[in-house]
Structure formats: C-alpha cells, structure tokens
Amino acid sequence: VYDISNKRRLGLTEFEAIQEMRKG
C-alpha cells in the first residue's frame, strides 16, 4: 500500500492540482 499524491502546489490552481492527482 502506497500513499500517492499530487507533487505540484505552486503555479497552478486548486482545481488543476486535484485534476493532476486524479489523472495520476
């Protein structure tokens, strides 16, 4: 079991960050 999360927090919106995590 691994913890997988979005890496980027700066230079993008909250919505873009959540979409990056979702697609990943």
PDBML (XML) file of the C-alpha atoms, coordinates in Angstrom:
<?xml version="1.0" encoding="UTF-8" ?>
<PDBx:datablock datablockName="MODEL"
   xmlns:PDBx="http://pdbml.pdb.org/schema/pdbx-v50.xsd"
   xmlns:xsi="http://www.w3.org/2001/XMLSchema-instance"
   xsi:schemaLocation="http://pdbml.pdb.org/schema/pdbx-v50.xsd pdbx-v50.xsd">
   <PDBx:atom_siteCategory>
      <PDBx:atom_site id="1">
         <PDBx:B_iso_or_equiv>0.00</PDBx:B_iso_or_equiv>
         <PDBx:Cartn_x>0.000</PDBx:Cartn_x>
         <PDBx:Cartn_y>0.000</PDBx:Cartn_y>
         <PDBx:Cartn_z>0.000</PDBx:Cartn_z>
         <PDBx:auth_asym_id>A</PDBx:auth_asym_id>
         <PDBx:auth_atom_id>CA</PDBx:auth_atom_id>
         <PDBx:auth_comp_id>VAL</PDBx:auth_comp_id>
         <PDBx:auth_seq_id>1</PDBx:auth_seq_id>
         <PDBx:group_PDB>ATOM</PDBx:group_PDB>
         <PDBx:label_alt_id xsi:nil="true" />
         <PDBx:label_asym_id>A</PDBx:label_asym_id>
         <PDBx:label_atom_id>CA</PDBx:label_atom_id>
         <PDBx:label_comp_id>VAL</PDBx:label_comp_id>
         <PDBx:label_entity_id>1</PDBx:label_entity_id>
         <PDBx:label_seq_id>1</PDBx:label_seq_id>
         <PDBx:occupancy>1.00</PDBx:occupancy>
         <PDBx:pdbx_PDB_model_num>1</PDBx:pdbx_PDB_model_num>
         <PDBx:type_symbol>C</PDBx:type_symbol>
      </PDBx:atom_site>
      <PDBx:atom_site id="2">
         <PDBx:B_iso_or_equiv>0.00</PDBx:B_iso_or_equiv>
         <PDBx:Cartn_x>1.392</PDBx:Cartn_x>
         <PDBx:Cartn_y>3.389</PDBx:Cartn_y>
         <PDBx:Cartn_z>-1.043</PDBx:Cartn_z>
         <PDBx:auth_asym_id>A</PDBx:auth_asym_id>
         <PDBx:auth_atom_id>CA</PDBx:auth_atom_id>
         <PDBx:auth_comp_id>TYR</PDBx:auth_comp_id>
         <PDBx:auth_seq_id>2</PDBx:auth_seq_id>
         <PDBx:group_PDB>ATOM</PDBx:group_PDB>
         <PDBx:label_alt_id xsi:nil="true" />
         <PDBx:label_asym_id>A</PDBx:label_asym_id>
         <PDBx:label_atom_id>CA</PDBx:label_atom_id>
         <PDBx:label_comp_id>TYR</PDBx:label_comp_id>
         <PDBx:label_entity_id>1</PDBx:label_entity_id>
         <PDBx:label_seq_id>2</PDBx:label_seq_id>
         <PDBx:occupancy>1.00</PDBx:occupancy>
         <PDBx:pdbx_PDB_model_num>1</PDBx:pdbx_PDB_model_num>
         <PDBx:type_symbol>C</PDBx:type_symbol>
      </PDBx:atom_site>
      <PDBx:atom_site id="3">
         <PDBx:B_iso_or_equiv>0.00</PDBx:B_iso_or_equiv>
         <PDBx:Cartn_x>0.426</PDBx:Cartn_x>
         <PDBx:Cartn_y>6.991</PDBx:Cartn_y>
         <PDBx:Cartn_z>-0.469</PDBx:Cartn_z>
         <PDBx:auth_asym_id>A</PDBx:auth_asym_id>
         <PDBx:auth_atom_id>CA</PDBx:auth_atom_id>
         <PDBx:auth_comp_id>ASP</PDBx:auth_comp_id>
         <PDBx:auth_seq_id>3</PDBx:auth_seq_id>
         <PDBx:group_PDB>ATOM</PDBx:group_PDB>
         <PDBx:label_alt_id xsi:nil="true" />
         <PDBx:label_asym_id>A</PDBx:label_asym_id>
         <PDBx:label_atom_id>CA</PDBx:label_atom_id>
         <PDBx:label_comp_id>ASP</PDBx:label_comp_id>
         <PDBx:label_entity_id>1</PDBx:label_entity_id>
         <PDBx:label_seq_id>3</PDBx:label_seq_id>
         <PDBx:occupancy>1.00</PDBx:occupancy>
         <PDBx:pdbx_PDB_model_num>1</PDBx:pdbx_PDB_model_num>
         <PDBx:type_symbol>C</PDBx:type_symbol>
      </PDBx:atom_site>
      <PDBx:atom_site id="4">
         <PDBx:B_iso_or_equiv>0.00</PDBx:B_iso_or_equiv>
         <PDBx:Cartn_x>0.116</PDBx:Cartn_x>
         <PDBx:Cartn_y>8.640</PDBx:Cartn_y>
         <PDBx:Cartn_z>-3.901</PDBx:Cartn_z>
         <PDBx:auth_asym_id>A</PDBx:auth_asym_id>
         <PDBx:auth_atom_id>CA</PDBx:auth_atom_id>
         <PDBx:auth_comp_id>ILE</PDBx:auth_comp_id>
         <PDBx:auth_seq_id>4</PDBx:auth_seq_id>
         <PDBx:group_PDB>ATOM</PDBx:group_PDB>
         <PDBx:label_alt_id xsi:nil="true" />
         <PDBx:label_asym_id>A</PDBx:label_asym_id>
         <PDBx:label_atom_id>CA</PDBx:label_atom_id>
         <PDBx:label_comp_id>ILE</PDBx:label_comp_id>
         <PDBx:label_entity_id>1</PDBx:label_entity_id>
         <PDBx:label_seq_id>4</PDBx:label_seq_id>
         <PDBx:occupancy>1.00</PDBx:occupancy>
         <PDBx:pdbx_PDB_model_num>1</PDBx:pdbx_PDB_model_num>
         <PDBx:type_symbol>C</PDBx:type_symbol>
      </PDBx:atom_site>
      <PDBx:atom_site id="5">
         <PDBx:B_iso_or_equiv>0.00</PDBx:B_iso_or_equiv>
         <PDBx:Cartn_x>-0.314</PDBx:Cartn_x>
         <PDBx:Cartn_y>12.431</PDBx:Cartn_y>
         <PDBx:Cartn_z>-4.033</PDBx:Cartn_z>
         <PDBx:auth_asym_id>A</PDBx:auth_asym_id>
         <PDBx:auth_atom_id>CA</PDBx:auth_atom_id>
         <PDBx:auth_comp_id>SER</PDBx:auth_comp_id>
         <PDBx:auth_seq_id>5</PDBx:auth_seq_id>
         <PDBx:group_PDB>ATOM</PDBx:group_PDB>
         <PDBx:label_alt_id xsi:nil="true" />
         <PDBx:label_asym_id>A</PDBx:label_asym_id>
         <PDBx:label_atom_id>CA</PDBx:label_atom_id>
         <PDBx:label_comp_id>SER</PDBx:label_comp_id>
         <PDBx:label_entity_id>1</PDBx:label_entity_id>
         <PDBx:label_seq_id>5</PDBx:label_seq_id>
         <PDBx:occupancy>1.00</PDBx:occupancy>
         <PDBx:pdbx_PDB_model_num>1</PDBx:pdbx_PDB_model_num>
         <PDBx:type_symbol>C</PDBx:type_symbol>
      </PDBx:atom_site>
      <PDBx:atom_site id="6">
         <PDBx:B_iso_or_equiv>0.00</PDBx:B_iso_or_equiv>
         <PDBx:Cartn_x>-0.001</PDBx:Cartn_x>
         <PDBx:Cartn_y>15.455</PDBx:Cartn_y>
         <PDBx:Cartn_z>-6.296</PDBx:Cartn_z>
         <PDBx:auth_asym_id>A</PDBx:auth_asym_id>
         <PDBx:auth_atom_id>CA</PDBx:auth_atom_id>
         <PDBx:auth_comp_id>ASN</PDBx:auth_comp_id>
         <PDBx:auth_seq_id>6</PDBx:auth_seq_id>
         <PDBx:group_PDB>ATOM</PDBx:group_PDB>
         <PDBx:label_alt_id xsi:nil="true" />
         <PDBx:label_asym_id>A</PDBx:label_asym_id>
         <PDBx:label_atom_id>CA</PDBx:label_atom_id>
         <PDBx:label_comp_id>ASN</PDBx:label_comp_id>
         <PDBx:label_entity_id>1</PDBx:label_entity_id>
         <PDBx:label_seq_id>6</PDBx:label_seq_id>
         <PDBx:occupancy>1.00</PDBx:occupancy>
         <PDBx:pdbx_PDB_model_num>1</PDBx:pdbx_PDB_model_num>
         <PDBx:type_symbol>C</PDBx:type_symbol>
      </PDBx:atom_site>
      <PDBx:atom_site id="7">
         <PDBx:B_iso_or_equiv>0.00</PDBx:B_iso_or_equiv>
         <PDBx:Cartn_x>3.534</PDBx:Cartn_x>
         <PDBx:Cartn_y>16.820</PDBx:Cartn_y>
         <PDBx:Cartn_z>-6.353</PDBx:Cartn_z>
         <PDBx:auth_asym_id>A</PDBx:auth_asym_id>
         <PDBx:auth_atom_id>CA</PDBx:auth_atom_id>
         <PDBx:auth_comp_id>LYS</PDBx:auth_comp_id>
         <PDBx:auth_seq_id>7</PDBx:auth_seq_id>
         <PDBx:group_PDB>ATOM</PDBx:group_PDB>
         <PDBx:label_alt_id xsi:nil="true" />
         <PDBx:label_asym_id>A</PDBx:label_asym_id>
         <PDBx:label_atom_id>CA</PDBx:label_atom_id>
         <PDBx:label_comp_id>LYS</PDBx:label_comp_id>
         <PDBx:label_entity_id>1</PDBx:label_entity_id>
         <PDBx:label_seq_id>7</PDBx:label_seq_id>
         <PDBx:occupancy>1.00</PDBx:occupancy>
         <PDBx:pdbx_PDB_model_num>1</PDBx:pdbx_PDB_model_num>
         <PDBx:type_symbol>C</PDBx:type_symbol>
      </PDBx:atom_site>
      <PDBx:atom_site id="8">
         <PDBx:B_iso_or_equiv>0.00</PDBx:B_iso_or_equiv>
         <PDBx:Cartn_x>2.940</PDBx:Cartn_x>
         <PDBx:Cartn_y>20.362</PDBx:Cartn_y>
         <PDBx:Cartn_z>-7.603</PDBx:Cartn_z>
         <PDBx:auth_asym_id>A</PDBx:auth_asym_id>
         <PDBx:auth_atom_id>CA</PDBx:auth_atom_id>
         <PDBx:auth_comp_id>ARG</PDBx:auth_comp_id>
         <PDBx:auth_seq_id>8</PDBx:auth_seq_id>
         <PDBx:group_PDB>ATOM</PDBx:group_PDB>
         <PDBx:label_alt_id xsi:nil="true" />
         <PDBx:label_asym_id>A</PDBx:label_asym_id>
         <PDBx:label_atom_id>CA</PDBx:label_atom_id>
         <PDBx:label_comp_id>ARG</PDBx:label_comp_id>
         <PDBx:label_entity_id>1</PDBx:label_entity_id>
         <PDBx:label_seq_id>8</PDBx:label_seq_id>
         <PDBx:occupancy>1.00</PDBx:occupancy>
         <PDBx:pdbx_PDB_model_num>1</PDBx:pdbx_PDB_model_num>
         <PDBx:type_symbol>C</PDBx:type_symbol>
      </PDBx:atom_site>
      <PDBx:atom_site id="9">
         <PDBx:B_iso_or_equiv>0.00</PDBx:B_iso_or_equiv>
         <PDBx:Cartn_x>1.390</PDBx:Cartn_x>
         <PDBx:Cartn_y>23.052</PDBx:Cartn_y>
         <PDBx:Cartn_z>-5.413</PDBx:Cartn_z>
         <PDBx:auth_asym_id>A</PDBx:auth_asym_id>
         <PDBx:auth_atom_id>CA</PDBx:auth_atom_id>
         <PDBx:auth_comp_id>ARG</PDBx:auth_comp_id>
         <PDBx:auth_seq_id>9</PDBx:auth_seq_id>
         <PDBx:group_PDB>ATOM</PDBx:group_PDB>
         <PDBx:label_alt_id xsi:nil="true" />
         <PDBx:label_asym_id>A</PDBx:label_asym_id>
         <PDBx:label_atom_id>CA</PDBx:label_atom_id>
         <PDBx:label_comp_id>ARG</PDBx:label_comp_id>
         <PDBx:label_entity_id>1</PDBx:label_entity_id>
         <PDBx:label_seq_id>9</PDBx:label_seq_id>
         <PDBx:occupancy>1.00</PDBx:occupancy>
         <PDBx:pdbx_PDB_model_num>1</PDBx:pdbx_PDB_model_num>
         <PDBx:type_symbol>C</PDBx:type_symbol>
      </PDBx:atom_site>
      <PDBx:atom_site id="10">
         <PDBx:B_iso_or_equiv>0.00</PDBx:B_iso_or_equiv>
         <PDBx:Cartn_x>2.705</PDBx:Cartn_x>
         <PDBx:Cartn_y>26.296</PDBx:Cartn_y>
         <PDBx:Cartn_z>-6.881</PDBx:Cartn_z>
         <PDBx:auth_asym_id>A</PDBx:auth_asym_id>
         <PDBx:auth_atom_id>CA</PDBx:auth_atom_id>
         <PDBx:auth_comp_id>LEU</PDBx:auth_comp_id>
         <PDBx:auth_seq_id>10</PDBx:auth_seq_id>
         <PDBx:group_PDB>ATOM</PDBx:group_PDB>
         <PDBx:label_alt_id xsi:nil="true" />
         <PDBx:label_asym_id>A</PDBx:label_asym_id>
         <PDBx:label_atom_id>CA</PDBx:label_atom_id>
         <PDBx:label_comp_id>LEU</PDBx:label_comp_id>
         <PDBx:label_entity_id>1</PDBx:label_entity_id>
         <PDBx:label_seq_id>10</PDBx:label_seq_id>
         <PDBx:occupancy>1.00</PDBx:occupancy>
         <PDBx:pdbx_PDB_model_num>1</PDBx:pdbx_PDB_model_num>
         <PDBx:type_symbol>C</PDBx:type_symbol>
      </PDBx:atom_site>
      <PDBx:atom_site id="11">
         <PDBx:B_iso_or_equiv>0.00</PDBx:B_iso_or_equiv>
         <PDBx:Cartn_x>1.819</PDBx:Cartn_x>
         <PDBx:Cartn_y>27.931</PDBx:Cartn_y>
         <PDBx:Cartn_z>-10.205</PDBx:Cartn_z>
         <PDBx:auth_asym_id>A</PDBx:auth_asym_id>
         <PDBx:auth_atom_id>CA</PDBx:auth_atom_id>
         <PDBx:auth_comp_id>GLY</PDBx:auth_comp_id>
         <PDBx:auth_seq_id>11</PDBx:auth_seq_id>
         <PDBx:group_PDB>ATOM</PDBx:group_PDB>
         <PDBx:label_alt_id xsi:nil="true" />
         <PDBx:label_asym_id>A</PDBx:label_asym_id>
         <PDBx:label_atom_id>CA</PDBx:label_atom_id>
         <PDBx:label_comp_id>GLY</PDBx:label_comp_id>
         <PDBx:label_entity_id>1</PDBx:label_entity_id>
         <PDBx:label_seq_id>11</PDBx:label_seq_id>
         <PDBx:occupancy>1.00</PDBx:occupancy>
         <PDBx:pdbx_PDB_model_num>1</PDBx:pdbx_PDB_model_num>
         <PDBx:type_symbol>C</PDBx:type_symbol>
      </PDBx:atom_site>
      <PDBx:atom_site id="12">
         <PDBx:B_iso_or_equiv>0.00</PDBx:B_iso_or_equiv>
         <PDBx:Cartn_x>-1.469</PDBx:Cartn_x>
         <PDBx:Cartn_y>26.099</PDBx:Cartn_y>
         <PDBx:Cartn_z>-10.742</PDBx:Cartn_z>
         <PDBx:auth_asym_id>A</PDBx:auth_asym_id>
         <PDBx:auth_atom_id>CA</PDBx:auth_atom_id>
         <PDBx:auth_comp_id>LEU</PDBx:auth_comp_id>
         <PDBx:auth_seq_id>12</PDBx:auth_seq_id>
         <PDBx:group_PDB>ATOM</PDBx:group_PDB>
         <PDBx:label_alt_id xsi:nil="true" />
         <PDBx:label_asym_id>A</PDBx:label_asym_id>
         <PDBx:label_atom_id>CA</PDBx:label_atom_id>
         <PDBx:label_comp_id>LEU</PDBx:label_comp_id>
         <PDBx:label_entity_id>1</PDBx:label_entity_id>
         <PDBx:label_seq_id>12</PDBx:label_seq_id>
         <PDBx:occupancy>1.00</PDBx:occupancy>
         <PDBx:pdbx_PDB_model_num>1</PDBx:pdbx_PDB_model_num>
         <PDBx:type_symbol>C</PDBx:type_symbol>
      </PDBx:atom_site>
      <PDBx:atom_site id="13">
         <PDBx:B_iso_or_equiv>0.00</PDBx:B_iso_or_equiv>
         <PDBx:Cartn_x>-4.999</PDBx:Cartn_x>
         <PDBx:Cartn_y>26.373</PDBx:Cartn_y>
         <PDBx:Cartn_z>-9.362</PDBx:Cartn_z>
         <PDBx:auth_asym_id>A</PDBx:auth_asym_id>
         <PDBx:auth_atom_id>CA</PDBx:auth_atom_id>
         <PDBx:auth_comp_id>THR</PDBx:auth_comp_id>
         <PDBx:auth_seq_id>13</PDBx:auth_seq_id>
         <PDBx:group_PDB>ATOM</PDBx:group_PDB>
         <PDBx:label_alt_id xsi:nil="true" />
         <PDBx:label_asym_id>A</PDBx:label_asym_id>
         <PDBx:label_atom_id>CA</PDBx:label_atom_id>
         <PDBx:label_comp_id>THR</PDBx:label_comp_id>
         <PDBx:label_entity_id>1</PDBx:label_entity_id>
         <PDBx:label_seq_id>13</PDBx:label_seq_id>
         <PDBx:occupancy>1.00</PDBx:occupancy>
         <PDBx:pdbx_PDB_model_num>1</PDBx:pdbx_PDB_model_num>
         <PDBx:type_symbol>C</PDBx:type_symbol>
      </PDBx:atom_site>
      <PDBx:atom_site id="14">
         <PDBx:B_iso_or_equiv>0.00</PDBx:B_iso_or_equiv>
         <PDBx:Cartn_x>-6.502</PDBx:Cartn_x>
         <PDBx:Cartn_y>24.065</PDBx:Cartn_y>
         <PDBx:Cartn_z>-6.738</PDBx:Cartn_z>
         <PDBx:auth_asym_id>A</PDBx:auth_asym_id>
         <PDBx:auth_atom_id>CA</PDBx:auth_atom_id>
         <PDBx:auth_comp_id>GLU</PDBx:auth_comp_id>
         <PDBx:auth_seq_id>14</PDBx:auth_seq_id>
         <PDBx:group_PDB>ATOM</PDBx:group_PDB>
         <PDBx:label_alt_id xsi:nil="true" />
         <PDBx:label_asym_id>A</PDBx:label_asym_id>
         <PDBx:label_atom_id>CA</PDBx:label_atom_id>
         <PDBx:label_comp_id>GLU</PDBx:label_comp_id>
         <PDBx:label_entity_id>1</PDBx:label_entity_id>
         <PDBx:label_seq_id>14</PDBx:label_seq_id>
         <PDBx:occupancy>1.00</PDBx:occupancy>
         <PDBx:pdbx_PDB_model_num>1</PDBx:pdbx_PDB_model_num>
         <PDBx:type_symbol>C</PDBx:type_symbol>
      </PDBx:atom_site>
      <PDBx:atom_site id="15">
         <PDBx:B_iso_or_equiv>0.00</PDBx:B_iso_or_equiv>
         <PDBx:Cartn_x>-8.682</PDBx:Cartn_x>
         <PDBx:Cartn_y>22.547</PDBx:Cartn_y>
         <PDBx:Cartn_z>-9.444</PDBx:Cartn_z>
         <PDBx:auth_asym_id>A</PDBx:auth_asym_id>
         <PDBx:auth_atom_id>CA</PDBx:auth_atom_id>
         <PDBx:auth_comp_id>PHE</PDBx:auth_comp_id>
         <PDBx:auth_seq_id>15</PDBx:auth_seq_id>
         <PDBx:group_PDB>ATOM</PDBx:group_PDB>
         <PDBx:label_alt_id xsi:nil="true" />
         <PDBx:label_asym_id>A</PDBx:label_asym_id>
         <PDBx:label_atom_id>CA</PDBx:label_atom_id>
         <PDBx:label_comp_id>PHE</PDBx:label_comp_id>
         <PDBx:label_entity_id>1</PDBx:label_entity_id>
         <PDBx:label_seq_id>15</PDBx:label_seq_id>
         <PDBx:occupancy>1.00</PDBx:occupancy>
         <PDBx:pdbx_PDB_model_num>1</PDBx:pdbx_PDB_model_num>
         <PDBx:type_symbol>C</PDBx:type_symbol>
      </PDBx:atom_site>
      <PDBx:atom_site id="16">
         <PDBx:B_iso_or_equiv>0.00</PDBx:B_iso_or_equiv>
         <PDBx:Cartn_x>-5.654</PDBx:Cartn_x>
         <PDBx:Cartn_y>21.854</PDBx:Cartn_y>
         <PDBx:Cartn_z>-11.660</PDBx:Cartn_z>
         <PDBx:auth_asym_id>A</PDBx:auth_asym_id>
         <PDBx:auth_atom_id>CA</PDBx:auth_atom_id>
         <PDBx:auth_comp_id>GLU</PDBx:auth_comp_id>
         <PDBx:auth_seq_id>16</PDBx:auth_seq_id>
         <PDBx:group_PDB>ATOM</PDBx:group_PDB>
         <PDBx:label_alt_id xsi:nil="true" />
         <PDBx:label_asym_id>A</PDBx:label_asym_id>
         <PDBx:label_atom_id>CA</PDBx:label_atom_id>
         <PDBx:label_comp_id>GLU</PDBx:label_comp_id>
         <PDBx:label_entity_id>1</PDBx:label_entity_id>
         <PDBx:label_seq_id>16</PDBx:label_seq_id>
         <PDBx:occupancy>1.00</PDBx:occupancy>
         <PDBx:pdbx_PDB_model_num>1</PDBx:pdbx_PDB_model_num>
         <PDBx:type_symbol>C</PDBx:type_symbol>
      </PDBx:atom_site>
      <PDBx:atom_site id="17">
         <PDBx:B_iso_or_equiv>0.00</PDBx:B_iso_or_equiv>
         <PDBx:Cartn_x>-3.811</PDBx:Cartn_x>
         <PDBx:Cartn_y>20.273</PDBx:Cartn_y>
         <PDBx:Cartn_z>-8.706</PDBx:Cartn_z>
         <PDBx:auth_asym_id>A</PDBx:auth_asym_id>
         <PDBx:auth_atom_id>CA</PDBx:auth_atom_id>
         <PDBx:auth_comp_id>ALA</PDBx:auth_comp_id>
         <PDBx:auth_seq_id>17</PDBx:auth_seq_id>
         <PDBx:group_PDB>ATOM</PDBx:group_PDB>
         <PDBx:label_alt_id xsi:nil="true" />
         <PDBx:label_asym_id>A</PDBx:label_asym_id>
         <PDBx:label_atom_id>CA</PDBx:label_atom_id>
         <PDBx:label_comp_id>ALA</PDBx:label_comp_id>
         <PDBx:label_entity_id>1</PDBx:label_entity_id>
         <PDBx:label_seq_id>17</PDBx:label_seq_id>
         <PDBx:occupancy>1.00</PDBx:occupancy>
         <PDBx:pdbx_PDB_model_num>1</PDBx:pdbx_PDB_model_num>
         <PDBx:type_symbol>C</PDBx:type_symbol>
      </PDBx:atom_site>
      <PDBx:atom_site id="18">
         <PDBx:B_iso_or_equiv>0.00</PDBx:B_iso_or_equiv>
         <PDBx:Cartn_x>-6.723</PDBx:Cartn_x>
         <PDBx:Cartn_y>17.967</PDBx:Cartn_y>
         <PDBx:Cartn_z>-7.912</PDBx:Cartn_z>
         <PDBx:auth_asym_id>A</PDBx:auth_asym_id>
         <PDBx:auth_atom_id>CA</PDBx:auth_atom_id>
         <PDBx:auth_comp_id>ILE</PDBx:auth_comp_id>
         <PDBx:auth_seq_id>18</PDBx:auth_seq_id>
         <PDBx:group_PDB>ATOM</PDBx:group_PDB>
         <PDBx:label_alt_id xsi:nil="true" />
         <PDBx:label_asym_id>A</PDBx:label_asym_id>
         <PDBx:label_atom_id>CA</PDBx:label_atom_id>
         <PDBx:label_comp_id>ILE</PDBx:label_comp_id>
         <PDBx:label_entity_id>1</PDBx:label_entity_id>
         <PDBx:label_seq_id>18</PDBx:label_seq_id>
         <PDBx:occupancy>1.00</PDBx:occupancy>
         <PDBx:pdbx_PDB_model_num>1</PDBx:pdbx_PDB_model_num>
         <PDBx:type_symbol>C</PDBx:type_symbol>
      </PDBx:atom_site>
      <PDBx:atom_site id="19">
         <PDBx:B_iso_or_equiv>0.00</PDBx:B_iso_or_equiv>
         <PDBx:Cartn_x>-7.050</PDBx:Cartn_x>
         <PDBx:Cartn_y>17.001</PDBx:Cartn_y>
         <PDBx:Cartn_z>-11.594</PDBx:Cartn_z>
         <PDBx:auth_asym_id>A</PDBx:auth_asym_id>
         <PDBx:auth_atom_id>CA</PDBx:auth_atom_id>
         <PDBx:auth_comp_id>GLN</PDBx:auth_comp_id>
         <PDBx:auth_seq_id>19</PDBx:auth_seq_id>
         <PDBx:group_PDB>ATOM</PDBx:group_PDB>
         <PDBx:label_alt_id xsi:nil="true" />
         <PDBx:label_asym_id>A</PDBx:label_asym_id>
         <PDBx:label_atom_id>CA</PDBx:label_atom_id>
         <PDBx:label_comp_id>GLN</PDBx:label_comp_id>
         <PDBx:label_entity_id>1</PDBx:label_entity_id>
         <PDBx:label_seq_id>19</PDBx:label_seq_id>
         <PDBx:occupancy>1.00</PDBx:occupancy>
         <PDBx:pdbx_PDB_model_num>1</PDBx:pdbx_PDB_model_num>
         <PDBx:type_symbol>C</PDBx:type_symbol>
      </PDBx:atom_site>
      <PDBx:atom_site id="20">
         <PDBx:B_iso_or_equiv>0.00</PDBx:B_iso_or_equiv>
         <PDBx:Cartn_x>-3.336</PDBx:Cartn_x>
         <PDBx:Cartn_y>16.194</PDBx:Cartn_y>
         <PDBx:Cartn_z>-11.748</PDBx:Cartn_z>
         <PDBx:auth_asym_id>A</PDBx:auth_asym_id>
         <PDBx:auth_atom_id>CA</PDBx:auth_atom_id>
         <PDBx:auth_comp_id>GLU</PDBx:auth_comp_id>
         <PDBx:auth_seq_id>20</PDBx:auth_seq_id>
         <PDBx:group_PDB>ATOM</PDBx:group_PDB>
         <PDBx:label_alt_id xsi:nil="true" />
         <PDBx:label_asym_id>A</PDBx:label_asym_id>
         <PDBx:label_atom_id>CA</PDBx:label_atom_id>
         <PDBx:label_comp_id>GLU</PDBx:label_comp_id>
         <PDBx:label_entity_id>1</PDBx:label_entity_id>
         <PDBx:label_seq_id>20</PDBx:label_seq_id>
         <PDBx:occupancy>1.00</PDBx:occupancy>
         <PDBx:pdbx_PDB_model_num>1</PDBx:pdbx_PDB_model_num>
         <PDBx:type_symbol>C</PDBx:type_symbol>
      </PDBx:atom_site>
      <PDBx:atom_site id="21">
         <PDBx:B_iso_or_equiv>0.00</PDBx:B_iso_or_equiv>
         <PDBx:Cartn_x>-3.686</PDBx:Cartn_x>
         <PDBx:Cartn_y>13.892</PDBx:Cartn_y>
         <PDBx:Cartn_z>-8.761</PDBx:Cartn_z>
         <PDBx:auth_asym_id>A</PDBx:auth_asym_id>
         <PDBx:auth_atom_id>CA</PDBx:auth_atom_id>
         <PDBx:auth_comp_id>MET</PDBx:auth_comp_id>
         <PDBx:auth_seq_id>21</PDBx:auth_seq_id>
         <PDBx:group_PDB>ATOM</PDBx:group_PDB>
         <PDBx:label_alt_id xsi:nil="true" />
         <PDBx:label_asym_id>A</PDBx:label_asym_id>
         <PDBx:label_atom_id>CA</PDBx:label_atom_id>
         <PDBx:label_comp_id>MET</PDBx:label_comp_id>
         <PDBx:label_entity_id>1</PDBx:label_entity_id>
         <PDBx:label_seq_id>21</PDBx:label_seq_id>
         <PDBx:occupancy>1.00</PDBx:occupancy>
         <PDBx:pdbx_PDB_model_num>1</PDBx:pdbx_PDB_model_num>
         <PDBx:type_symbol>C</PDBx:type_symbol>
      </PDBx:atom_site>
      <PDBx:atom_site id="22">
         <PDBx:B_iso_or_equiv>0.00</PDBx:B_iso_or_equiv>
         <PDBx:Cartn_x>-6.853</PDBx:Cartn_x>
         <PDBx:Cartn_y>12.287</PDBx:Cartn_y>
         <PDBx:Cartn_z>-10.189</PDBx:Cartn_z>
         <PDBx:auth_asym_id>A</PDBx:auth_asym_id>
         <PDBx:auth_atom_id>CA</PDBx:auth_atom_id>
         <PDBx:auth_comp_id>ARG</PDBx:auth_comp_id>
         <PDBx:auth_seq_id>22</PDBx:auth_seq_id>
         <PDBx:group_PDB>ATOM</PDBx:group_PDB>
         <PDBx:label_alt_id xsi:nil="true" />
         <PDBx:label_asym_id>A</PDBx:label_asym_id>
         <PDBx:label_atom_id>CA</PDBx:label_atom_id>
         <PDBx:label_comp_id>ARG</PDBx:label_comp_id>
         <PDBx:label_entity_id>1</PDBx:label_entity_id>
         <PDBx:label_seq_id>22</PDBx:label_seq_id>
         <PDBx:occupancy>1.00</PDBx:occupancy>
         <PDBx:pdbx_PDB_model_num>1</PDBx:pdbx_PDB_model_num>
         <PDBx:type_symbol>C</PDBx:type_symbol>
      </PDBx:atom_site>
      <PDBx:atom_site id="23">
         <PDBx:B_iso_or_equiv>0.00</PDBx:B_iso_or_equiv>
         <PDBx:Cartn_x>-5.302</PDBx:Cartn_x>
         <PDBx:Cartn_y>11.591</PDBx:Cartn_y>
         <PDBx:Cartn_z>-13.610</PDBx:Cartn_z>
         <PDBx:auth_asym_id>A</PDBx:auth_asym_id>
         <PDBx:auth_atom_id>CA</PDBx:auth_atom_id>
         <PDBx:auth_comp_id>LYS</PDBx:auth_comp_id>
         <PDBx:auth_seq_id>23</PDBx:auth_seq_id>
         <PDBx:group_PDB>ATOM</PDBx:group_PDB>
         <PDBx:label_alt_id xsi:nil="true" />
         <PDBx:label_asym_id>A</PDBx:label_asym_id>
         <PDBx:label_atom_id>CA</PDBx:label_atom_id>
         <PDBx:label_comp_id>LYS</PDBx:label_comp_id>
         <PDBx:label_entity_id>1</PDBx:label_entity_id>
         <PDBx:label_seq_id>23</PDBx:label_seq_id>
         <PDBx:occupancy>1.00</PDBx:occupancy>
         <PDBx:pdbx_PDB_model_num>1</PDBx:pdbx_PDB_model_num>
         <PDBx:type_symbol>C</PDBx:type_symbol>
      </PDBx:atom_site>
      <PDBx:atom_site id="24">
         <PDBx:B_iso_or_equiv>0.00</PDBx:B_iso_or_equiv>
         <PDBx:Cartn_x>-2.165</PDBx:Cartn_x>
         <PDBx:Cartn_y>10.262</PDBx:Cartn_y>
         <PDBx:Cartn_z>-11.936</PDBx:Cartn_z>
         <PDBx:auth_asym_id>A</PDBx:auth_asym_id>
         <PDBx:auth_atom_id>CA</PDBx:auth_atom_id>
         <PDBx:auth_comp_id>GLY</PDBx:auth_comp_id>
         <PDBx:auth_seq_id>24</PDBx:auth_seq_id>
         <PDBx:group_PDB>ATOM</PDBx:group_PDB>
         <PDBx:label_alt_id xsi:nil="true" />
         <PDBx:label_asym_id>A</PDBx:label_asym_id>
         <PDBx:label_atom_id>CA</PDBx:label_atom_id>
         <PDBx:label_comp_id>GLY</PDBx:label_comp_id>
         <PDBx:label_entity_id>1</PDBx:label_entity_id>
         <PDBx:label_seq_id>24</PDBx:label_seq_id>
         <PDBx:occupancy>1.00</PDBx:occupancy>
         <PDBx:pdbx_PDB_model_num>1</PDBx:pdbx_PDB_model_num>
         <PDBx:type_symbol>C</PDBx:type_symbol>
      </PDBx:atom_site>
   </PDBx:atom_siteCategory>
</PDBx:datablock>
